[in-house]
Amino acid sequence: MKKIVVVESINDDTGMFCIDIMASESGKFSFKGFRRDQEDDSGWYPYGPQSDLIYGSYQEALDAAVKTISWLENFPSDHKS
């Protein structure tokens, strides 16, 4: 089983949603959405969009996430982790 490492977690303004940009041992990247309930302290749950594709770079995965997830629309495109 290949190890997946979270390169960056990006939270929305409410702190209830986040997107993780992840890297595999093979050097490929993907993203996945999560949510949490403020009244429940048990952590983050997978939710919403995730990439079904594997991207060749962090920037490609981030660009795909920004195009897919509405609350990321104002995220700077030149952002580097």
Protein backbone atom coordinates (compact mmCIF):
# COMPACT_ATOMS: atom_id res chain seq x y z
CA MET A 1 0.00 0.00 0.00
CA LYS A 2 1.38 3.38 -0.98
CA LYS A 3 1.69 6.05 1.66
CA ILE A 4 -0.32 9.26 1.16
CA VAL A 5 0.89 12.48 2.78
CA VAL A 6 -1.18 15.66 3.20
CA VAL A 7 0.85 18.46 1.65
CA GLU A 8 -1.59 21.20 2.61
CA SER A 9 -4.99 21.64 4.24
CA ILE A 10 -6.96 24.69 3.17
CA ASN A 11 -9.87 25.74 5.41
CA ASP A 12 -12.84 27.85 4.39
CA ASP A 13 -13.65 31.04 6.30
CA THR A 14 -16.10 29.25 8.61
CA GLY A 15 -13.66 26.51 9.64
CA MET A 16 -16.29 23.90 8.82
CA PHE A 17 -14.89 22.75 5.47
CA CYS A 18 -11.41 21.99 4.24
CA ILE A 19 -9.63 20.58 1.24
CA ASP A 20 -6.52 18.45 1.59
CA ILE A 21 -3.97 18.39 -1.19
CA MET A 22 -2.26 15.00 -0.94
CA ALA A 23 0.89 13.46 -2.41
CA SER A 24 1.63 9.78 -2.94
CA GLU A 25 5.01 8.09 -2.72
CA SER A 26 5.02 8.00 -6.53
CA GLY A 27 5.03 11.82 -6.62
CA LYS A 28 1.44 12.17 -7.85
CA PHE A 29 -1.11 14.51 -6.26
CA SER A 30 -4.85 14.58 -5.58
CA PHE A 31 -7.35 16.48 -3.41
CA LYS A 32 -10.22 15.56 -1.11
CA GLY A 33 -12.90 17.56 0.73
CA PHE A 34 -13.76 17.28 4.43
CA ARG A 35 -16.24 18.82 6.84
CA ARG A 36 -16.73 19.00 10.58
CA ASP A 37 -19.61 19.95 12.82
CA GLN A 38 -18.88 22.65 15.37
CA GLU A 39 -21.05 20.94 17.97
CA ASP A 40 -19.21 17.62 17.50
CA ASP A 41 -15.56 17.41 18.58
CA SER A 42 -14.89 14.07 16.91
CA GLY A 43 -12.98 15.53 13.95
CA TRP A 44 -13.18 15.81 10.18
CA TYR A 45 -15.33 13.64 7.91
CA PRO A 46 -14.88 13.05 4.16
CA TYR A 47 -17.39 15.24 2.39
CA GLY A 48 -18.04 16.60 -1.03
CA PRO A 49 -15.62 16.84 -3.85
CA GLN A 50 -12.51 14.83 -4.32
CA SER A 51 -10.34 14.27 -7.32
CA ASP A 52 -10.88 11.09 -9.24
CA LEU A 53 -7.81 12.03 -11.21
CA ILE A 54 -4.19 11.94 -10.18
CA TYR A 55 -2.20 15.05 -11.01
CA GLY A 56 1.49 15.40 -11.86
CA SER A 57 2.12 18.33 -9.52
CA TYR A 58 0.84 20.10 -6.43
CA GLN A 59 -0.13 23.09 -8.56
CA GLU A 60 -2.20 20.97 -10.97
CA ALA A 61 -4.12 19.42 -8.06
CA LEU A 62 -4.67 22.84 -6.47
CA ASP A 63 -5.85 24.33 -9.76
CA ALA A 64 -8.33 21.46 -10.20
CA ALA A 65 -9.61 21.92 -6.63
CA VAL A 66 -10.09 25.69 -7.17
CA LYS A 67 -12.11 24.97 -10.34
CA THR A 68 -14.24 22.36 -8.55
CA ILE A 69 -14.90 23.90 -5.13
CA SER A 70 -16.83 27.16 -5.05
CA TRP A 71 -15.42 28.52 -1.77
CA LEU A 72 -11.88 28.24 -3.18
CA GLU A 73 -12.65 30.59 -6.08
CA ASN A 74 -10.78 33.49 -4.46
CA PHE A 75 -7.82 31.38 -3.40
CA PRO A 76 -4.66 32.86 -4.98
CA SER A 77 -3.68 30.90 -8.06
CA ASP A 78 0.00 31.61 -7.46
CA HIS A 79 -0.13 30.18 -3.92
CA LYS A 80 2.66 27.73 -3.09
CA SER A 81 2.49 25.31 -0.20
